[in-house]
Amino acid sequence: MNFIVAAFGVLGVASSGPLIAGTLGATSVTALAIAFWRNAIAAVVMASPVLIREPRQFRKISRPEFTWSAVAAVALAFHFACFITALQLTSVAAATALVCLQSAWIAVFQLLRGTRHRWPVLVGLGIALGGVAAITGFDMGTSPKALLGDILALAGGALAGLYTMAGGKARQSMSIGTYTTLCYGMCAAIVAVLALTGGQPLVGFDAGGWLGIAAITVCAQLVGHTAFNHLLATMSPLLVSMIILLEIPGAALLAAVFLHETLPAGTYAGLALILVGLAVVVAGQRRGKGDAQGKIAELGTD
């Protein structure tokens, strides 16, 4: 049963990039509209059980819980803005791999805060950095547009790391339903302001556009992330984290099949290096003395 749930989880998160790229390319939907609706819908879905069973939880939110949730929401909003825009500029495979560097970014942030990691984490960071250099190097030779997409995807990964760390602080005392409702709801509000400021409409799309938004929300936000959160009850966090890394080759394969995306051989080598490097980083973080600090609170954002 766990294998089936894991398979749905991988397909769900891996479909995010191809679905977003396909929707943006074939419809009038804007990047920020996708970010707004997937978070707004997810907030409503996550709020419903809490409102039915324990509505008082929302009245008990403390100031620190609200503050950390707000920090996570800001990071998540700008993460989506960067990642979804990157998918319009560079390949799905490259954008997905670069944004999935969030666990590596967390390790870097911890280093800056004085955390001493075991040597496998540092080796993994080096391997992943080699993959980044390979991808961005090939995209630099392809076009400045693709390179800008790579930079935005890297920024999206760093913001995802900040979102994860802030979410971990909030989740120390909040239930997942209360936290995700608050975080996703505030994220949707922030994205709405960004959309209005940037002149990107949130409504008025054709049927294909709304179908794309619904598919992204159901597959990536609800099925993918829900599946992995379910697995945490029966599998070790390390194993779940390693399974999530299959999003990188999964997204590349789906993009190749459904979007007919072809990449230089060097880019695929970069994808492989990032995948191996992240696996080493995740394994090193879990085995280190700072396991509590290295723990990933929310499983992915895409």
Protein backbone atom coordinates (compact mmCIF):
# COMPACT_ATOMS: atom_id res chain seq x y z
CA MET A 1 0.00 0.00 0.00
CA ASN A 2 2.84 2.40 0.87
CA PHE A 3 4.37 1.80 -2.56
CA ILE A 4 1.13 2.87 -4.26
CA VAL A 5 0.83 5.97 -2.07
CA ALA A 6 4.49 6.84 -2.76
CA ALA A 7 3.96 6.40 -6.51
CA PHE A 8 0.99 8.79 -6.45
CA GLY A 9 3.02 11.23 -4.36
CA VAL A 10 5.93 11.25 -6.81
CA LEU A 11 3.61 11.59 -9.81
CA GLY A 12 1.78 14.41 -8.05
CA VAL A 13 4.80 16.58 -7.25
CA ALA A 14 6.62 15.67 -10.49
CA SER A 15 3.61 16.79 -12.53
CA SER A 16 3.77 20.30 -11.07
CA GLY A 17 6.39 21.72 -13.45
CA PRO A 18 5.03 20.16 -16.66
CA LEU A 19 1.43 21.08 -15.78
CA ILE A 20 2.37 24.68 -14.99
CA ALA A 21 4.49 25.02 -18.13
CA GLY A 22 1.77 23.46 -20.27
CA THR A 23 -0.95 25.67 -18.78
CA LEU A 24 1.09 28.86 -19.20
CA GLY A 25 1.98 27.96 -22.77
CA ALA A 26 -1.46 26.92 -23.99
CA THR A 27 -3.84 29.26 -22.13
CA SER A 28 -4.17 32.89 -21.04
CA VAL A 29 -3.54 31.98 -17.37
CA THR A 30 -0.85 34.10 -15.69
CA ALA A 31 1.93 32.85 -13.44
CA LEU A 32 0.62 34.60 -10.33
CA ALA A 33 -2.92 33.38 -11.00
CA ILE A 34 -1.68 29.80 -10.73
CA ALA A 35 0.10 30.60 -7.47
CA PHE A 36 -2.97 32.39 -6.09
CA TRP A 37 -5.59 29.78 -6.89
CA ARG A 38 -3.60 26.71 -5.84
CA ASN A 39 -2.95 28.28 -2.43
CA ALA A 40 -6.44 29.73 -2.00
CA ILE A 41 -8.11 26.42 -2.87
CA ALA A 42 -5.67 24.45 -0.69
CA ALA A 43 -6.35 26.81 2.24
CA VAL A 44 -10.08 26.18 1.97
CA VAL A 45 -9.59 22.42 1.70
CA MET A 46 -7.25 22.31 4.70
CA ALA A 47 -9.47 24.63 6.77
CA SER A 48 -12.66 22.60 6.33
CA PRO A 49 -11.81 19.65 8.66
CA VAL A 50 -10.44 22.01 11.32
CA LEU A 51 -13.53 24.24 11.23
CA ILE A 52 -15.77 21.17 11.54
CA ARG A 53 -13.85 19.35 14.29
CA GLU A 54 -11.91 21.97 16.28
CA PRO A 55 -12.86 25.52 15.20
CA ARG A 56 -11.38 26.95 18.43
CA GLN A 57 -7.87 26.19 17.17
CA PHE A 58 -7.91 29.33 15.05
CA ARG A 59 -8.69 31.46 18.11
CA LYS A 60 -5.79 29.98 20.06
CA ILE A 61 -3.08 31.03 17.59
CA SER A 62 -0.34 32.81 19.55
CA ARG A 63 1.69 35.78 18.36
CA PRO A 64 4.88 33.71 17.71
CA GLU A 65 2.83 31.12 15.77
CA PHE A 66 1.26 33.86 13.65
CA THR A 67 4.62 35.54 13.09
CA TRP A 68 6.39 32.38 11.92
CA SER A 69 3.40 31.47 9.74
CA ALA A 70 3.52 34.93 8.18
CA VAL A 71 7.26 34.60 7.48
CA ALA A 72 6.62 31.21 5.88
CA ALA A 73 3.76 32.67 3.81
CA VAL A 74 5.91 35.53 2.47
CA ALA A 75 8.70 33.12 1.52
CA LEU A 76 6.21 30.74 -0.09
CA ALA A 77 4.55 33.52 -2.11
CA PHE A 78 7.84 34.73 -3.58
CA HIS A 79 8.95 31.12 -4.08
CA PHE A 80 5.95 30.50 -6.32
CA ALA A 81 6.47 33.79 -8.14
CA CYS A 82 10.08 32.85 -8.91
CA PHE A 83 9.49 29.18 -9.77
CA ILE A 84 6.44 29.63 -11.99
CA THR A 85 8.07 32.53 -13.84
CA ALA A 86 11.21 30.40 -14.27
CA LEU A 87 9.15 27.75 -16.04
CA GLN A 88 8.35 30.34 -18.72
CA LEU A 89 12.04 31.05 -19.30
CA THR A 90 13.97 27.81 -18.92
CA SER A 91 13.30 24.08 -19.25
CA VAL A 92 10.98 22.24 -16.88
CA ALA A 93 13.76 19.82 -15.99
CA ALA A 94 16.25 22.57 -15.12
CA ALA A 95 13.74 24.68 -13.18
CA THR A 96 12.54 21.68 -11.16
CA ALA A 97 16.04 20.48 -10.31
CA LEU A 98 17.24 23.95 -9.29
CA VAL A 99 14.20 24.70 -7.16
CA CYS A 100 14.51 21.31 -5.46
CA LEU A 101 17.79 22.50 -3.96
CA GLN A 102 15.82 23.67 -0.93
CA SER A 103 17.35 21.00 1.34
CA ALA A 104 20.81 22.13 0.25
CA TRP A 105 19.86 25.76 0.95
CA ILE A 106 18.68 24.74 4.43
CA ALA A 107 22.08 23.20 5.07
CA VAL A 108 23.74 26.43 3.89
CA PHE A 109 21.51 28.58 6.11
CA GLN A 110 22.36 26.33 9.05
CA LEU A 111 26.07 26.71 8.30
CA LEU A 112 25.66 30.49 8.36
CA ARG A 113 23.96 30.19 11.75
CA GLY A 114 26.91 28.22 13.13
CA THR A 115 25.64 24.65 12.73
CA ARG A 116 28.49 22.19 12.17
CA HIS A 117 27.52 19.58 9.59
CA ARG A 118 29.12 16.19 9.09
CA TRP A 119 31.40 15.86 6.08
CA PRO A 120 28.84 14.00 3.89
CA VAL A 121 26.62 17.11 3.92
CA LEU A 122 29.49 19.27 2.68
CA VAL A 123 30.37 16.70 0.01
CA GLY A 124 26.72 16.57 -1.09
CA LEU A 125 26.61 20.38 -1.32
CA GLY A 126 29.69 20.29 -3.51
CA ILE A 127 28.20 17.66 -5.82
CA ALA A 128 24.91 19.58 -6.10
CA LEU A 129 26.82 22.79 -6.81
CA GLY A 130 28.59 20.99 -9.65
CA GLY A 131 25.19 20.09 -11.08
CA VAL A 132 24.06 23.73 -10.84
CA ALA A 133 27.21 24.85 -12.64
CA ALA A 134 26.61 22.29 -15.40
CA ILE A 135 22.98 23.34 -15.97
CA THR A 136 23.54 27.09 -15.82
CA GLY A 137 26.67 26.79 -17.96
CA PHE A 138 24.78 25.09 -20.77
CA ASP A 139 21.85 27.49 -20.45
CA MET A 140 24.23 30.46 -20.56
CA GLY A 141 25.39 29.20 -23.93
CA THR A 142 21.80 28.67 -25.07
CA SER A 143 20.23 32.05 -24.24
CA PRO A 144 20.23 34.82 -21.60
CA LYS A 145 16.52 34.07 -21.14
CA ALA A 146 17.21 30.50 -20.03
CA LEU A 147 19.96 31.69 -17.69
CA LEU A 148 17.54 34.18 -16.07
CA GLY A 149 15.10 31.30 -15.60
CA ASP A 150 17.82 29.29 -13.87
CA ILE A 151 18.59 32.20 -11.52
CA LEU A 152 14.91 32.59 -10.64
CA ALA A 153 14.64 28.84 -9.98
CA LEU A 154 17.68 29.00 -7.70
CA ALA A 155 16.07 31.92 -5.84
CA GLY A 156 12.87 29.88 -5.61
CA GLY A 157 14.80 27.04 -3.99
CA ALA A 158 16.34 29.40 -1.42
CA LEU A 159 12.91 30.85 -0.63
CA ALA A 160 11.54 27.31 -0.27
CA GLY A 161 14.28 26.65 2.27
CA LEU A 162 13.28 29.75 4.25
CA TYR A 163 9.62 28.69 4.05
CA THR A 164 10.51 25.26 5.38
CA MET A 165 12.56 26.59 8.28
CA ALA A 166 9.92 29.15 9.30
CA GLY A 167 7.21 26.51 8.94
CA GLY A 168 9.21 24.20 11.20
CA LYS A 169 9.16 26.89 13.91
CA ALA A 170 5.40 27.37 13.57
CA ARG A 171 4.67 23.64 13.47
CA GLN A 172 6.35 23.06 16.84
CA SER A 173 3.07 24.03 18.48
CA MET A 174 0.50 24.15 15.62
CA SER A 175 -1.43 21.32 14.00
CA ILE A 176 -0.81 20.80 10.30
CA GLY A 177 -4.39 21.80 9.45
CA THR A 178 -4.21 25.09 11.34
CA TYR A 179 -0.74 25.95 10.06
CA THR A 180 -1.36 25.15 6.40
CA THR A 181 -4.68 27.01 6.42
CA LEU A 182 -3.06 30.12 7.87
CA CYS A 183 0.09 29.90 5.75
CA TYR A 184 -1.63 29.09 2.43
CA GLY A 185 -4.31 31.71 3.09
CA MET A 186 -1.78 34.48 3.78
CA CYS A 187 0.31 33.33 0.83
CA ALA A 188 -2.71 33.63 -1.47
CA ALA A 189 -3.39 37.17 -0.15
CA ILE A 190 0.24 38.21 -0.77
CA VAL A 191 0.19 36.76 -4.28
CA ALA A 192 -3.07 38.60 -4.99
CA VAL A 193 -1.39 41.90 -4.05
CA LEU A 194 1.60 41.05 -6.26
CA ALA A 195 -0.74 40.20 -9.15
CA LEU A 196 -2.70 43.44 -8.81
CA THR A 197 0.52 45.45 -8.56
CA GLY A 198 2.01 43.72 -11.59
CA GLY A 199 -1.16 43.87 -13.66
CA GLN A 200 -1.63 40.09 -13.86
CA PRO A 201 -5.34 39.10 -13.87
CA LEU A 202 -6.57 36.42 -11.48
CA VAL A 203 -9.83 35.70 -13.32
CA GLY A 204 -11.31 35.81 -16.80
CA PHE A 205 -9.54 32.76 -18.21
CA ASP A 206 -10.90 30.26 -20.72
CA ALA A 207 -12.08 26.77 -19.76
CA GLY A 208 -8.69 25.27 -20.56
CA GLY A 209 -7.01 27.70 -18.20
CA TRP A 210 -9.30 26.84 -15.29
CA LEU A 211 -8.84 23.14 -16.04
CA GLY A 212 -5.08 23.62 -15.82
CA ILE A 213 -5.35 25.44 -12.50
CA ALA A 214 -7.58 22.66 -11.13
CA ALA A 215 -5.17 19.95 -12.34
CA ILE A 216 -2.17 21.71 -10.77
CA THR A 217 -3.99 22.16 -7.46
CA VAL A 218 -5.29 18.59 -7.27
CA CYS A 219 -2.19 16.77 -8.54
CA ALA A 220 0.62 18.79 -6.98
CA GLN A 221 -0.89 20.55 -3.98
CA LEU A 222 -3.43 18.02 -2.70
CA VAL A 223 -2.50 14.55 -3.99
CA GLY A 224 1.31 14.92 -4.03
CA HIS A 225 1.87 16.67 -0.72
CA THR A 226 -0.93 14.81 1.07
CA ALA A 227 0.54 11.47 0.00
CA PHE A 228 3.94 12.30 1.46
CA ASN A 229 2.48 13.64 4.69
CA HIS A 230 0.57 10.34 4.98
CA LEU A 231 3.76 8.34 4.45
CA LEU A 232 5.43 10.15 7.36
CA ALA A 233 3.13 8.20 9.68
CA THR A 234 4.46 4.84 8.47
CA MET A 235 7.94 5.56 7.02
CA SER A 236 11.06 7.23 8.34
CA PRO A 237 11.52 10.91 7.39
CA LEU A 238 14.80 9.99 5.67
CA LEU A 239 13.12 7.46 3.37
CA VAL A 240 10.29 9.87 2.56
CA SER A 241 12.80 12.64 1.82
CA MET A 242 14.72 10.35 -0.53
CA ILE A 243 11.51 9.35 -2.33
CA ILE A 244 10.63 13.02 -2.84
CA LEU A 245 13.89 13.49 -4.75
CA LEU A 246 12.37 11.36 -7.52
CA GLU A 247 10.50 14.55 -8.44
CA ILE A 248 13.61 15.68 -10.35
CA PRO A 249 13.85 12.82 -12.89
CA GLY A 250 10.05 12.46 -12.82
CA ALA A 251 9.50 16.04 -13.96
CA ALA A 252 12.17 15.70 -16.65
CA LEU A 253 10.55 12.51 -17.98
CA LEU A 254 7.02 13.97 -17.98
CA ALA A 255 8.25 17.12 -19.74
CA ALA A 256 10.02 15.00 -22.36
CA VAL A 257 6.93 12.86 -23.01
CA PHE A 258 4.12 15.42 -22.88
CA LEU A 259 5.88 18.68 -23.75
CA HIS A 260 8.45 17.13 -26.13
CA GLU A 261 11.23 18.86 -24.21
CA THR A 262 14.73 17.88 -25.31
CA LEU A 263 17.87 18.99 -23.49
CA PRO A 264 21.63 18.86 -24.15
CA ALA A 265 23.38 15.84 -22.68
CA GLY A 266 25.27 18.10 -20.31
CA THR A 267 22.03 19.33 -18.78
CA TYR A 268 20.98 15.77 -17.98
CA ALA A 269 24.39 15.24 -16.37
CA GLY A 270 23.71 18.32 -14.24
CA LEU A 271 20.33 16.93 -13.22
CA ALA A 272 21.99 13.68 -12.15
CA LEU A 273 24.64 15.52 -10.12
CA ILE A 274 21.98 17.58 -8.30
CA LEU A 275 19.97 14.43 -7.56
CA VAL A 276 22.99 12.61 -6.14
CA GLY A 277 24.18 15.67 -4.22
CA LEU A 278 20.78 16.24 -2.61
CA ALA A 279 20.54 12.58 -1.63
CA VAL A 280 23.89 12.85 0.13
CA VAL A 281 22.88 16.12 1.84
CA VAL A 282 19.57 14.68 3.08
CA ALA A 283 21.22 11.51 4.36
CA GLY A 284 24.00 13.49 6.04
CA GLN A 285 21.57 15.88 7.74
CA ARG A 286 19.49 13.02 9.10
CA ARG A 287 22.48 11.22 10.57
CA GLY A 288 24.12 14.29 12.07
CA LYS A 289 23.89 15.50 15.63
CA GLY A 290 21.63 18.36 14.53
CA ASP A 291 18.82 16.08 13.38
CA ALA A 292 16.18 18.27 14.99
CA GLN A 293 17.52 21.34 13.18
CA GLY A 294 17.86 19.53 9.88
CA LYS A 295 14.36 18.09 10.00
CA ILE A 296 12.17 19.10 7.10
CA ALA A 297 8.82 20.33 8.38
CA GLU A 298 6.90 20.65 5.15
CA LEU A 299 7.49 18.28 2.27
CA GLY A 300 8.10 20.39 -0.76
CA THR A 301 6.29 23.40 -2.17
CA ASP A 302 5.80 22.77 -5.85
